[in-house]
C-alpha atoms as a PDB file:
ATOM      1  CA  MET A   1      80.655 -34.723  -7.677  1.00  0.00           C
ATOM      2  CA  LYS A   2      78.792 -37.886  -8.622  1.00  0.00           C
ATOM      3  CA  LYS A   3      78.529 -38.848  -4.954  1.00  0.00           C
ATOM      4  CA  LEU A   4      77.164 -35.423  -4.102  1.00  0.00           C
ATOM      5  CA  LEU A   5      74.600 -35.659  -6.896  1.00  0.00           C
ATOM      6  CA  PHE A   6      73.625 -39.139  -5.711  1.00  0.00           C
ATOM      7  CA  PHE A   7      73.088 -37.929  -2.154  1.00  0.00           C
ATOM      8  CA  LEU A   8      71.071 -34.931  -3.330  1.00  0.00           C
ATOM      9  CA  VAL A   9      68.809 -37.210  -5.377  1.00  0.00           C
ATOM     10  CA  LEU A  10      68.514 -39.592  -2.431  1.00  0.00           C
ATOM     11  CA  ILE A  11      67.604 -36.776  -0.028  1.00  0.00           C
ATOM     12  CA  ALA A  12      64.975 -35.462  -2.463  1.00  0.00           C
ATOM     13  CA  ALA A  13      63.496 -38.940  -2.833  1.00  0.00           C
ATOM     14  CA  LEU A  14      63.420 -39.470   0.926  1.00  0.00           C
ATOM     15  CA  SER A  15      61.821 -36.057   1.446  1.00  0.00           C
ATOM     16  CA  ALA A  16      59.156 -36.845  -1.131  1.00  0.00           C
ATOM     17  CA  ALA A  17      58.528 -40.217   0.505  1.00  0.00           C
ATOM     18  CA  ALA A  18      58.249 -38.570   3.914  1.00  0.00           C
ATOM     19  CA  ALA A  19      55.796 -35.994   2.575  1.00  0.00           C
ATOM     20  CA  GLN A  20      53.760 -38.807   1.034  1.00  0.00           C
ATOM     21  CA  ALA A  21      53.810 -40.751   4.316  1.00  0.00           C
ATOM     22  CA  GLU A  22      52.687 -37.694   6.250  1.00  0.00           C
ATOM     23  CA  ARG A  23      49.911 -36.733   3.858  1.00  0.00           C
ATOM     24  CA  VAL A  24      47.022 -35.039   5.621  1.00  0.00           C
ATOM     25  CA  ILE A  25      43.624 -34.893   3.920  1.00  0.00           C
ATOM     26  CA  LYS A  26      40.973 -32.359   4.825  1.00  0.00           C
ATOM     27  CA  ILE A  27      37.453 -33.780   5.104  1.00  0.00           C
ATOM     28  CA  SER A  28      34.481 -31.462   5.454  1.00  0.00           C
ATOM     29  CA  HIS A  29      30.782 -31.711   6.225  1.00  0.00           C
ATOM     30  CA  GLN A  30      27.973 -29.569   7.574  1.00  0.00           C
ATOM     31  CA  GLY A  31      26.652 -29.743  11.105  1.00  0.00           C
ATOM     32  CA  THR A  32      28.155 -30.337  14.507  1.00  0.00           C
ATOM     33  CA  ALA A  33      31.161 -32.564  15.214  1.00  0.00           C
ATOM     34  CA  ASP A  34      29.053 -34.873  17.384  1.00  0.00           C
ATOM     35  CA  ALA A  35      28.518 -38.392  16.071  1.00  0.00           C
ATOM     36  CA  GLU A  36      25.642 -38.964  18.493  1.00  0.00           C
ATOM     37  CA  VAL A  37      23.440 -36.268  16.975  1.00  0.00           C
ATOM     38  CA  ASN A  38      24.927 -35.684  13.514  1.00  0.00           C
ATOM     39  CA  ILE A  39      24.869 -38.693  11.192  1.00  0.00           C
ATOM     40  CA  GLN A  40      27.275 -36.979   8.793  1.00  0.00           C
ATOM     41  CA  HIS A  41      29.908 -36.815  11.519  1.00  0.00           C
ATOM     42  CA  TYR A  42      29.166 -40.433  12.408  1.00  0.00           C
ATOM     43  CA  PHE A  43      29.825 -41.432   8.787  1.00  0.00           C
ATOM     44  CA  VAL A  44      33.024 -39.376   8.648  1.00  0.00           C
ATOM     45  CA  ARG A  45      34.270 -40.925  11.899  1.00  0.00           C
ATOM     46  CA  GLU A  46      33.665 -44.473  10.663  1.00  0.00           C
ATOM     47  CA  PHE A  47      35.171 -43.673   7.263  1.00  0.00           C
ATOM     48  CA  ILE A  48      38.367 -42.230   8.762  1.00  0.00           C
ATOM     49  CA  SER A  49      38.713 -45.143  11.182  1.00  0.00           C
ATOM     50  CA  ARG A  50      38.622 -47.689   8.363  1.00  0.00           C
ATOM     51  CA  VAL A  51      40.970 -45.773   6.075  1.00  0.00           C
ATOM     52  CA  SER A  52      43.484 -45.352   8.885  1.00  0.00           C
ATOM     53  CA  GLU A  53      43.314 -49.047   9.741  1.00  0.00           C
ATOM     54  CA  GLU A  54      43.690 -50.191   6.136  1.00  0.00           C
ATOM     55  CA  THR A  55      46.531 -47.787   5.277  1.00  0.00           C
ATOM     56  CA  LYS A  56      48.304 -48.214   8.633  1.00  0.00           C
ATOM     57  CA  GLY A  57      48.316 -44.468   9.098  1.00  0.00           C
ATOM     58  CA  SER A  58      49.772 -43.445   5.744  1.00  0.00           C
ATOM     59  CA  LEU A  59      46.676 -41.291   5.241  1.00  0.00           C
ATOM     60  CA  THR A  60      45.487 -39.027   8.052  1.00  0.00           C
ATOM     61  CA  PHE A  61      42.561 -36.642   8.142  1.00  0.00           C
ATOM     62  CA  GLU A  62      41.654 -33.242   9.523  1.00  0.00           C
ATOM     63  CA  VAL A  63      37.895 -32.862  10.000  1.00  0.00           C
ATOM     64  CA  TYR A  64      36.219 -29.526   9.257  1.00  0.00           C
ATOM     65  CA  PRO A  65      32.570 -29.624  10.447  1.00  0.00           C
ATOM     66  CA  ASP A  66      30.003 -26.805  10.563  1.00  0.00           C
ATOM     67  CA  GLU A  67      30.902 -25.527   7.077  1.00  0.00           C
ATOM     68  CA  GLN A  68      34.298 -24.326   8.333  1.00  0.00           C
ATOM     69  CA  LEU A  69      35.652 -24.512   4.771  1.00  0.00           C
ATOM     70  CA  GLY A  70      32.713 -22.520   3.431  1.00  0.00           C
ATOM     71  CA  SER A  71      29.208 -23.168   2.157  1.00  0.00           C
ATOM     72  CA  GLU A  72      28.510 -26.271   0.093  1.00  0.00           C
ATOM     73  CA  GLU A  73      28.831 -24.315  -3.143  1.00  0.00           C
ATOM     74  CA  GLN A  74      32.112 -22.762  -1.996  1.00  0.00           C
ATOM     75  CA  ARG A  75      33.490 -26.139  -0.946  1.00  0.00           C
ATOM     76  CA  MET A  76      32.503 -27.631  -4.282  1.00  0.00           C
ATOM     77  CA  GLU A  77      34.413 -24.873  -6.083  1.00  0.00           C
ATOM     78  CA  LEU A  78      37.382 -25.496  -3.821  1.00  0.00           C
ATOM     79  CA  ILE A  79      37.471 -29.246  -4.411  1.00  0.00           C
ATOM     80  CA  MET A  80      37.209 -28.752  -8.183  1.00  0.00           C
ATOM     81  CA  LYS A  81      40.454 -26.751  -8.186  1.00  0.00           C
ATOM     82  CA  GLN A  82      42.787 -29.509  -9.236  1.00  0.00           C
ATOM     83  CA  GLY A  83      46.300 -29.912  -7.912  1.00  0.00           C
ATOM     84  CA  LEU A  84      47.759 -31.594  -4.852  1.00  0.00           C
ATOM     85  CA  ASN A  85      47.440 -28.348  -2.919  1.00  0.00           C
ATOM     86  CA  GLN A  86      43.727 -29.209  -2.634  1.00  0.00           C
ATOM     87  CA  PRO A  87      43.752 -32.425  -0.546  1.00  0.00           C
ATOM     88  CA  ILE A  88      40.016 -32.377   0.147  1.00  0.00           C
ATOM     89  CA  VAL A  89      37.251 -34.923   0.634  1.00  0.00           C
ATOM     90  CA  ASP A  90      33.766 -33.510   1.155  1.00  0.00           C
ATOM     91  CA  LEU A  91      30.185 -34.505   1.890  1.00  0.00           C
ATOM     92  CA  VAL A  92      27.943 -32.325  -0.273  1.00  0.00           C
ATOM     93  CA  SER A  93      24.258 -32.272  -1.206  1.00  0.00           C
ATOM     94  CA  PHE A  94      22.209 -31.719  -4.345  1.00  0.00           C
ATOM     95  CA  ALA A  95      22.518 -27.984  -3.765  1.00  0.00           C
ATOM     96  CA  ALA A  96      26.230 -28.187  -4.616  1.00  0.00           C
ATOM     97  CA  LEU A  97      26.409 -31.101  -7.051  1.00  0.00           C
ATOM     98  CA  GLY A  98      23.299 -30.118  -8.989  1.00  0.00           C
ATOM     99  CA  THR A  99      24.947 -26.918 -10.193  1.00  0.00           C
ATOM    100  CA  VAL A 100      27.654 -28.882 -12.024  1.00  0.00           C
ATOM    101  CA  LEU A 101      25.777 -32.147 -12.612  1.00  0.00           C
ATOM    102  CA  PRO A 102      22.082 -31.445 -13.306  1.00  0.00           C
ATOM    103  CA  GLU A 103      21.682 -35.058 -14.484  1.00  0.00           C
ATOM    104  CA  LEU A 104      21.814 -35.946 -10.790  1.00  0.00           C
ATOM    105  CA  TYR A 105      18.315 -34.500 -10.298  1.00  0.00           C
ATOM    106  CA  ALA A 106      16.910 -37.508 -12.156  1.00  0.00           C
ATOM    107  CA  SER A 107      17.696 -39.565  -9.025  1.00  0.00           C
ATOM    108  CA  ALA A 108      15.477 -37.342  -6.858  1.00  0.00           C
ATOM    109  CA  ILE A 109      12.085 -37.647  -8.566  1.00  0.00           C
ATOM    110  CA  PRO A 110       9.422 -37.395  -5.839  1.00  0.00           C
ATOM    111  CA  PHE A 111       8.058 -40.727  -4.587  1.00  0.00           C
ATOM    112  CA  MET A 112      10.668 -42.560  -6.676  1.00  0.00           C
ATOM    113  CA  PHE A 113      11.448 -45.339  -4.173  1.00  0.00           C
ATOM    114  CA  ASN A 114       9.072 -47.558  -2.240  1.00  0.00           C
ATOM    115  CA  SER A 115      11.590 -48.417   0.489  1.00  0.00           C
ATOM    116  CA  PHE A 116      15.087 -47.894   1.831  1.00  0.00           C
ATOM    117  CA  GLU A 117      16.116 -51.176   0.211  1.00  0.00           C
ATOM    118  CA  ALA A 118      15.024 -49.976  -3.220  1.00  0.00           C
ATOM    119  CA  ALA A 119      17.050 -46.790  -2.836  1.00  0.00           C
ATOM    120  CA  HIS A 120      20.095 -48.846  -1.819  1.00  0.00           C
ATOM    121  CA  VAL A 121      19.819 -51.022  -4.924  1.00  0.00           C
ATOM    122  CA  PHE A 122      19.472 -47.965  -7.150  1.00  0.00           C
ATOM    123  CA  PHE A 123      22.405 -45.989  -5.765  1.00  0.00           C
ATOM    124  CA  ASP A 124      24.695 -49.009  -5.380  1.00  0.00           C
ATOM    125  CA  THR A 125      24.149 -50.973  -8.584  1.00  0.00           C
ATOM    126  CA  SER A 126      22.038 -49.157 -11.185  1.00  0.00           C
ATOM    127  CA  GLU A 127      23.182 -48.459 -14.733  1.00  0.00           C
ATOM    128  CA  TYR A 128      22.256 -44.830 -14.118  1.00  0.00           C
ATOM    129  CA  MET A 129      24.802 -44.461 -11.293  1.00  0.00           C
ATOM    130  CA  THR A 130      27.421 -46.486 -13.167  1.00  0.00           C
ATOM    131  CA  LYS A 131      27.273 -43.994 -16.037  1.00  0.00           C
ATOM    132  CA  LEU A 132      26.831 -40.879 -13.899  1.00  0.00           C
ATOM    133  CA  LYS A 133      30.088 -41.248 -11.965  1.00  0.00           C
ATOM    134  CA  PRO A 134      32.442 -41.019 -14.975  1.00  0.00           C
ATOM    135  CA  LEU A 135      30.390 -38.084 -16.303  1.00  0.00           C
ATOM    136  CA  PHE A 136      30.966 -36.296 -13.002  1.00  0.00           C
ATOM    137  CA  ARG A 137      34.716 -36.986 -13.246  1.00  0.00           C
ATOM    138  CA  GLU A 138      34.836 -35.719 -16.821  1.00  0.00           C
ATOM    139  CA  ARG A 139      32.952 -32.540 -16.005  1.00  0.00           C
ATOM    140  CA  THR A 140      34.549 -31.600 -12.688  1.00  0.00           C
ATOM    141  CA  GLY A 141      37.800 -33.508 -12.390  1.00  0.00           C
ATOM    142  CA  CYS A 142      36.537 -34.895  -9.063  1.00  0.00           C
ATOM    143  CA  VAL A 143      35.590 -38.449  -8.088  1.00  0.00           C
ATOM    144  CA  LEU A 144      32.175 -39.368  -6.682  1.00  0.00           C
ATOM    145  CA  LEU A 145      32.992 -42.088  -4.173  1.00  0.00           C
ATOM    146  CA  GLU A 146      29.686 -42.895  -2.502  1.00  0.00           C
ATOM    147  CA  VAL A 147      26.042 -41.863  -2.180  1.00  0.00           C
ATOM    148  CA  VAL A 148      25.685 -41.587   1.591  1.00  0.00           C
ATOM    149  CA  GLU A 149      22.331 -42.011   3.303  1.00  0.00           C
ATOM    150  CA  GLU A 150      21.795 -39.146   5.724  1.00  0.00           C
ATOM    151  CA  GLY A 151      18.449 -39.270   7.424  1.00  0.00           C
ATOM    152  CA  GLY A 152      15.659 -41.282   5.858  1.00  0.00           C
ATOM    153  CA  PHE A 153      12.905 -40.008   3.603  1.00  0.00           C
ATOM    154  CA  LEU A 154      11.945 -36.338   3.527  1.00  0.00           C
ATOM    155  CA  ALA A 155       8.897 -34.899   5.280  1.00  0.00           C
ATOM    156  CA  PHE A 156       7.157 -31.534   4.917  1.00  0.00           C
ATOM    157  CA  THR A 157       7.180 -29.199   7.929  1.00  0.00           C
ATOM    158  CA  ASN A 158       5.703 -25.729   8.363  1.00  0.00           C
ATOM    159  CA  SER A 159       4.512 -23.266  10.997  1.00  0.00           C
ATOM    160  CA  ARG A 160       1.119 -22.356   9.542  1.00  0.00           C
ATOM    161  CA  ARG A 161      -1.146 -25.367   9.078  1.00  0.00           C
ATOM    162  CA  GLU A 162      -1.375 -29.129   8.846  1.00  0.00           C
ATOM    163  CA  ILE A 163      -0.762 -30.425   5.331  1.00  0.00           C
ATOM    164  CA  ARG A 164      -2.938 -33.379   4.386  1.00  0.00           C
ATOM    165  CA  SER A 165      -3.314 -32.759   0.649  1.00  0.00           C
ATOM    166  CA  PRO A 166      -1.677 -30.659  -2.088  1.00  0.00           C
ATOM    167  CA  LYS A 167      -4.341 -27.949  -1.727  1.00  0.00           C
ATOM    168  CA  ASP A 168      -3.024 -27.229   1.794  1.00  0.00           C
ATOM    169  CA  PHE A 169       0.150 -25.781   0.247  1.00  0.00           C
ATOM    170  CA  ALA A 170      -1.667 -22.773  -1.218  1.00  0.00           C
ATOM    171  CA  GLY A 171      -0.075 -19.480  -0.151  1.00  0.00           C
ATOM    172  CA  LEU A 172       2.778 -21.054   1.835  1.00  0.00           C
ATOM    173  CA  LYS A 173       6.434 -20.140   1.392  1.00  0.00           C
ATOM    174  CA  PHE A 174       9.034 -22.902   1.613  1.00  0.00           C
ATOM    175  CA  ARG A 175      12.785 -23.110   1.770  1.00  0.00           C
ATOM    176  CA  GLY A 176      14.153 -25.201  -1.081  1.00  0.00           C
ATOM    177  CA  MET A 177      17.508 -26.890  -0.651  1.00  0.00           C
ATOM    178  CA  ASP A 178      17.912 -26.909  -4.433  1.00  0.00           C
ATOM    179  CA  GLU A 179      16.087 -26.167  -7.682  1.00  0.00           C
ATOM    180  CA  GLY A 180      14.404 -29.570  -7.638  1.00  0.00           C
ATOM    181  CA  GLN A 181      12.727 -28.957  -4.285  1.00  0.00           C
ATOM    182  CA  ILE A 182      11.530 -25.547  -5.460  1.00  0.00           C
ATOM    183  CA  ALA A 183       9.985 -27.255  -8.496  1.00  0.00           C
ATOM    184  CA  ILE A 184       8.077 -29.588  -6.153  1.00  0.00           C
ATOM    185  CA  PHE A 185       6.697 -26.704  -4.093  1.00  0.00           C
ATOM    186  CA  ASN A 186       5.684 -24.856  -7.245  1.00  0.00           C
ATOM    187  CA  ALA A 187       3.828 -27.952  -8.450  1.00  0.00           C
ATOM    188  CA  PHE A 188       1.845 -27.986  -5.208  1.00  0.00           C
ATOM    189  CA  GLY A 189       0.923 -24.313  -5.517  1.00  0.00           C
ATOM    190  CA  ALA A 190       3.373 -22.992  -2.920  1.00  0.00           C
ATOM    191  CA  SER A 191       6.442 -20.839  -3.516  1.00  0.00           C
ATOM    192  CA  GLY A 192      10.039 -21.827  -2.859  1.00  0.00           C
ATOM    193  CA  THR A 193      13.244 -19.935  -2.277  1.00  0.00           C
ATOM    194  CA  PRO A 194      16.823 -21.202  -1.802  1.00  0.00           C
ATOM    195  CA  ILE A 195      18.193 -20.742   1.721  1.00  0.00           C
ATOM    196  CA  PRO A 196      21.471 -22.300   2.977  1.00  0.00           C
ATOM    197  CA  TRP A 197      21.151 -24.784   5.818  1.00  0.00           C
ATOM    198  CA  GLY A 198      23.092 -22.547   8.188  1.00  0.00           C
ATOM    199  CA  GLU A 199      20.542 -19.748   7.708  1.00  0.00           C
ATOM    200  CA  LEU A 200      17.403 -21.881   7.788  1.00  0.00           C
ATOM    201  CA  TYR A 201      16.556 -21.650  11.500  1.00  0.00           C
ATOM    202  CA  MET A 202      16.513 -17.859  11.512  1.00  0.00           C
ATOM    203  CA  ALA A 203      14.635 -17.723   8.198  1.00  0.00           C
ATOM    204  CA  LEU A 204      11.892 -19.874   9.729  1.00  0.00           C
ATOM    205  CA  LYS A 205      11.912 -17.952  12.994  1.00  0.00           C
ATOM    206  CA  MET A 206      11.649 -14.565  11.257  1.00  0.00           C
ATOM    207  CA  GLY A 207       8.943 -15.761   8.853  1.00  0.00           C
ATOM    208  CA  VAL A 208      11.038 -15.378   5.716  1.00  0.00           C
ATOM    209  CA  VAL A 209       9.650 -18.813   4.859  1.00  0.00           C
ATOM    210  CA  ASP A 210       6.889 -20.863   6.480  1.00  0.00           C
ATOM    211  CA  GLY A 211       8.312 -24.316   6.014  1.00  0.00           C
ATOM    212  CA  GLN A 212      10.930 -26.665   4.659  1.00  0.00           C
ATOM    213  CA  MET A 213      11.468 -30.272   3.623  1.00  0.00           C
ATOM    214  CA  ASN A 214      13.808 -32.640   5.487  1.00  0.00           C
ATOM    215  CA  PRO A 215      13.819 -35.962   7.343  1.00  0.00           C
ATOM    216  CA  ALA A 216      13.124 -35.957  11.077  1.00  0.00           C
ATOM    217  CA  PHE A 217      16.850 -36.286  11.727  1.00  0.00           C
ATOM    218  CA  TYR A 218      17.535 -32.842  10.262  1.00  0.00           C
ATOM    219  CA  VAL A 219      14.536 -31.302  11.998  1.00  0.00           C
ATOM    220  CA  LEU A 220      16.097 -32.354  15.302  1.00  0.00           C
ATOM    221  CA  LEU A 221      19.671 -31.504  14.272  1.00  0.00           C
ATOM    222  CA  GLY A 222      18.687 -27.962  13.364  1.00  0.00           C
ATOM    223  CA  SER A 223      16.357 -27.489  16.388  1.00  0.00           C
ATOM    224  CA  LEU A 224      13.578 -26.808  13.872  1.00  0.00           C
ATOM    225  CA  THR A 225      10.967 -28.108  16.313  1.00  0.00           C
ATOM    226  CA  GLU A 226      11.320 -24.679  17.956  1.00  0.00           C
ATOM    227  CA  VAL A 227      10.139 -22.871  14.824  1.00  0.00           C
ATOM    228  CA  GLN A 228       7.956 -25.493  13.082  1.00  0.00           C
ATOM    229  CA  LYS A 229       4.597 -26.769  14.301  1.00  0.00           C
ATOM    230  CA  TYR A 230       3.426 -29.287  11.694  1.00  0.00           C
ATOM    231  CA  MET A 231       5.087 -32.307  10.064  1.00  0.00           C
ATOM    232  CA  THR A 232       3.667 -34.417   7.230  1.00  0.00           C
ATOM    233  CA  LEU A 233       5.349 -37.777   6.617  1.00  0.00           C
ATOM    234  CA  ALA A 234       4.926 -37.817   2.855  1.00  0.00           C
ATOM    235  CA  ASN A 235       8.205 -39.723   2.175  1.00  0.00           C
ATOM    236  CA  ILE A 236       8.856 -37.420  -0.759  1.00  0.00           C
ATOM    237  CA  GLN A 237      12.523 -38.000  -1.562  1.00  0.00           C
ATOM    238  CA  TYR A 238      15.346 -40.214  -0.326  1.00  0.00           C
ATOM    239  CA  SER A 239      17.748 -38.134   1.745  1.00  0.00           C
ATOM    240  CA  ASP A 240      21.363 -38.469   0.662  1.00  0.00           C
ATOM    241  CA  GLN A 241      24.699 -36.708   0.448  1.00  0.00           C
ATOM    242  CA  PHE A 242      27.604 -37.335  -1.904  1.00  0.00           C
ATOM    243  CA  LEU A 243      31.136 -38.190  -0.823  1.00  0.00           C
ATOM    244  CA  VAL A 244      33.464 -36.434  -3.279  1.00  0.00           C
ATOM    245  CA  ILE A 245      37.268 -36.384  -3.473  1.00  0.00           C
ATOM    246  CA  ASN A 246      39.616 -34.076  -5.384  1.00  0.00           C
ATOM    247  CA  GLY A 247      40.611 -35.902  -8.571  1.00  0.00           C
ATOM    248  CA  ASP A 248      44.328 -35.134  -8.522  1.00  0.00           C
ATOM    249  CA  LEU A 249      44.515 -36.271  -4.913  1.00  0.00           C
ATOM    250  CA  TYR A 250      42.728 -39.513  -5.789  1.00  0.00           C
ATOM    251  CA  ASP A 251      45.048 -40.196  -8.740  1.00  0.00           C
ATOM    252  CA  SER A 252      48.142 -39.561  -6.618  1.00  0.00           C
ATOM    253  CA  LEU A 253      47.240 -42.305  -4.142  1.00  0.00           C
ATOM    254  CA  SER A 254      48.623 -45.798  -4.416  1.00  0.00           C
ATOM    255  CA  ASP A 255      46.334 -48.626  -5.543  1.00  0.00           C
ATOM    256  CA  ALA A 256      46.159 -49.831  -1.947  1.00  0.00           C
ATOM    257  CA  GLU A 257      45.238 -46.379  -0.648  1.00  0.00           C
ATOM    258  CA  ARG A 258      42.553 -45.899  -3.294  1.00  0.00           C
ATOM    259  CA  GLY A 259      41.157 -49.317  -2.464  1.00  0.00           C
ATOM    260  CA  ALA A 260      41.122 -48.432   1.224  1.00  0.00           C
ATOM    261  CA  ILE A 261      39.242 -45.185   0.603  1.00  0.00           C
ATOM    262  CA  VAL A 262      36.644 -46.797  -1.666  1.00  0.00           C
ATOM    263  CA  GLY A 263      36.142 -49.748   0.686  1.00  0.00           C
ATOM    264  CA  ALA A 264      35.943 -47.548   3.778  1.00  0.00           C
ATOM    265  CA  ALA A 265      33.294 -45.353   2.157  1.00  0.00           C
ATOM    266  CA  LYS A 266      31.116 -48.392   1.392  1.00  0.00           C
ATOM    267  CA  GLU A 267      31.494 -49.920   4.842  1.00  0.00           C
ATOM    268  CA  ALA A 268      30.871 -46.620   6.651  1.00  0.00           C
ATOM    269  CA  ASN A 269      27.764 -46.098   4.518  1.00  0.00           C
ATOM    270  CA  LYS A 270      26.415 -49.536   5.443  1.00  0.00           C
ATOM    271  CA  LEU A 271      26.785 -48.703   9.128  1.00  0.00           C
ATOM    272  CA  THR A 272      25.226 -45.284   8.589  1.00  0.00           C
ATOM    273  CA  ARG A 273      22.227 -46.816   6.818  1.00  0.00           C
ATOM    274  CA  LYS A 274      21.614 -49.282   9.633  1.00  0.00           C
ATOM    275  CA  ARG A 275      21.805 -46.546  12.235  1.00  0.00           C
ATOM    276  CA  ILE A 276      19.505 -44.162  10.360  1.00  0.00           C
ATOM    277  CA  GLU A 277      16.854 -46.719   9.569  1.00  0.00           C
ATOM    278  CA  ALA A 278      16.859 -48.070  13.126  1.00  0.00           C
ATOM    279  CA  GLN A 279      16.384 -44.571  14.558  1.00  0.00           C
ATOM    280  CA  ASP A 280      13.962 -43.101  12.013  1.00  0.00           C
ATOM    281  CA  ALA A 281      10.734 -43.892  13.873  1.00  0.00           C
ATOM    282  CA  ASP A 282      12.224 -42.744  17.184  1.00  0.00           C
ATOM    283  CA  GLN A 283      13.297 -39.443  15.636  1.00  0.00           C
ATOM    284  CA  VAL A 284       9.784 -38.808  14.342  1.00  0.00           C
ATOM    285  CA  GLU A 285       8.451 -39.577  17.817  1.00  0.00           C
ATOM    286  CA  GLU A 286      10.990 -37.182  19.335  1.00  0.00           C
ATOM    287  CA  CYS A 287       9.681 -34.422  17.053  1.00  0.00           C
ATOM    288  CA  ARG A 288       6.214 -35.184  18.409  1.00  0.00           C
ATOM    289  CA  ARG A 289       7.459 -35.090  22.008  1.00  0.00           C
ATOM    290  CA  ARG A 290       8.941 -31.656  21.321  1.00  0.00           C
ATOM    291  CA  GLY A 291       5.564 -30.297  20.360  1.00  0.00           C
ATOM    292  CA  MET A 292       5.162 -30.938  16.637  1.00  0.00           C
ATOM    293  CA  GLN A 293       1.897 -32.258  15.243  1.00  0.00           C
ATOM    294  CA  VAL A 294       2.913 -35.225  13.075  1.00  0.00           C
ATOM    295  CA  TYR A 295       0.605 -36.520  10.361  1.00  0.00           C
ATOM    296  CA  ALA A 296       1.049 -39.654   8.229  1.00  0.00           C
ATOM    297  CA  PRO A 297      -1.017 -39.450   5.002  1.00  0.00           C
ATOM    298  CA  ASN A 298      -3.206 -42.419   4.131  1.00  0.00           C
ATOM    299  CA  PRO A 299      -2.753 -44.201   0.758  1.00  0.00           C
ATOM    300  CA  GLU A 300      -5.346 -42.022  -0.995  1.00  0.00           C
ATOM    301  CA  GLU A 301      -3.670 -38.835   0.218  1.00  0.00           C
ATOM    302  CA  MET A 302      -0.259 -40.155  -0.822  1.00  0.00           C
ATOM    303  CA  ASP A 303      -1.649 -40.758  -4.295  1.00  0.00           C
ATOM    304  CA  MET A 304      -2.776 -37.126  -4.456  1.00  0.00           C
ATOM    305  CA  PHE A 305       0.714 -35.916  -3.546  1.00  0.00           C
ATOM    306  CA  ARG A 306       2.275 -38.280  -6.075  1.00  0.00           C
ATOM    307  CA  THR A 307      -0.170 -37.433  -8.875  1.00  0.00           C
ATOM    308  CA  ILE A 308       0.658 -33.725  -8.663  1.00  0.00           C
ATOM    309  CA  GLY A 309       4.215 -33.623  -7.356  1.00  0.00           C
ATOM    310  CA  GLN A 310       5.829 -36.219  -9.588  1.00  0.00           C
ATOM    311  CA  PRO A 311       4.669 -34.931 -13.010  1.00  0.00           C
ATOM    312  CA  GLY A 312       5.418 -31.349 -12.015  1.00  0.00           C
ATOM    313  CA  TYR A 313       8.983 -32.258 -11.086  1.00  0.00           C
ATOM    314  CA  VAL A 314       9.494 -34.377 -14.205  1.00  0.00           C
ATOM    315  CA  GLU A 315       8.323 -31.540 -16.464  1.00  0.00           C
ATOM    316  CA  TRP A 316      10.732 -29.160 -14.756  1.00  0.00           C
ATOM    317  CA  LEU A 317      13.536 -31.697 -15.149  1.00  0.00           C
ATOM    318  CA  LYS A 318      12.859 -32.196 -18.854  1.00  0.00           C
ATOM    319  CA  GLN A 319      13.543 -28.496 -19.358  1.00  0.00           C
ATOM    320  CA  ARG A 320      16.695 -28.746 -17.263  1.00  0.00           C
ATOM    321  CA  LEU A 321      18.320 -31.726 -18.993  1.00  0.00           C
ATOM    322  CA  LYS A 322      19.840 -31.608 -22.451  1.00  0.00           C
ATOM    323  CA  ASP A 323      19.782 -35.390 -22.812  1.00  0.00           C
ATOM    324  CA  PRO A 324      16.489 -37.144 -21.877  1.00  0.00           C
ATOM    325  CA  GLN A 325      18.255 -40.509 -21.531  1.00  0.00           C
ATOM    326  CA  TRP A 326      19.204 -39.671 -17.942  1.00  0.00           C
ATOM    327  CA  LEU A 327      15.588 -39.233 -16.911  1.00  0.00           C
ATOM    328  CA  GLU A 328      14.486 -42.358 -18.761  1.00  0.00           C
ATOM    329  CA  MET A 329      17.360 -44.415 -17.349  1.00  0.00           C
ATOM    330  CA  ALA A 330      16.732 -43.274 -13.773  1.00  0.00           C
ATOM    331  CA  GLN A 331      13.016 -44.032 -13.968  1.00  0.00           C
ATOM    332  CA  ARG A 332      13.646 -47.467 -15.462  1.00  0.00           C
ATOM    333  CA  ASP A 333      16.322 -48.344 -12.901  1.00  0.00           C
ATOM    334  CA  ALA A 334      14.167 -47.098 -10.009  1.00  0.00           C
ATOM    335  CA  GLU A 335      11.285 -49.291 -11.142  1.00  0.00           C
ATOM    336  CA  ALA A 336      13.631 -52.276 -11.308  1.00  0.00           C
ATOM    337  CA  ALA A 337      15.016 -51.461  -7.840  1.00  0.00           C
ATOM    338  CA  ASN A 338      11.512 -51.264  -6.369  1.00  0.00           C
ATOM    339  CA  THR A 339      10.691 -54.642  -7.902  1.00  0.00           C
ATOM    340  CA  LEU A 340      13.885 -56.262  -6.614  1.00  0.00           C
ATOM    341  CA  ALA A 341      13.408 -54.823  -3.144  1.00  0.00           C
ATOM    342  CA  GLY A 342       9.817 -56.043  -3.138  1.00  0.00           C
ATOM    343  CA  THR A 343      10.964 -59.623  -3.727  1.00  0.00           C
ATOM    344  CA  GLY A 344      13.072 -59.524  -0.579  1.00  0.00           C
ATOM    345  CA  LYS A 345      16.310 -60.110  -2.494  1.00  0.00           C
ATOM    346  CA  ALA A 346      17.829 -56.683  -1.890  1.00  0.00           C
ATOM    347  CA  THR A 347      18.912 -56.884   1.741  1.00  0.00           C
ATOM    348  CA  GLU A 348      22.548 -56.768   0.598  1.00  0.00           C
ATOM    349  CA  SER A 349      22.780 -55.055  -2.742  1.00  0.00           C
ATOM    350  CA  ARG A 350      26.572 -55.306  -3.064  1.00  0.00           C
END
């Protein structure tokens, strides 16, 4: 009887070990599964490659592009359902994270960063991000692994007229990815309405909205050059996504596996940043070749955008946040990041 019990325990242990060894993790993002045209898929590919190499195949991934697991909001709800029956890693935007973590909007103040380098310093090393990550874990049960660059700084596009100053927004209707973007459009005298990425092309084509705000990369990815005529390179916000993992899944991993996932996310993000920043100017030029009229505001015009857009967003955010420390911390850390980047000492922030 004792031998039988021993063998039963042994079989159970071996079965559990086999299940652990064969663990498959779902990883989701929006857009096509083509690393040449979709930077999110490029990041996911590089991330998976490094995890697989470091873990020697103990962790494998199934990729679900094109919102196959649902919209961003639906995927966020799914990943927050704790338990090992939710083995999910996801790339989500402000539209999803902002609903559960409004403090995150403090990192998206218009004209917050003077350069890519400054944004890197902020998202990699700031006190704001150091404190935000455990708050996210406490509130959702999930782990925020990395802030992933996804396309450069945001530009305005629309089908009606060239935008050279805030007054040119009057009477226009814009798609807002999230509440923060809608607040920016309202500050400029336009109106904003939330529209999911997957519905944006048709909304622009049918005239539901006149314009939207995205980097050139997304304009090309979504074929928006077909339904948008004008682009203004106002460098409004830094374009990023957030790599999130189910908390119970993360806790169930070994120390080595967790280290591999964290390290792979950082390395894949470094490669993604280099690729995006090297291609940014070419992507803007490609929008021009496809028929868009591209305008780069001069310093005086940029000041006009900043003078109106930034205070309007900050006032909206003050009403949104219960604790003003997040806004104050983000502004202070962004100023420090801009200063550090300006000294040339931020080429490798971690």
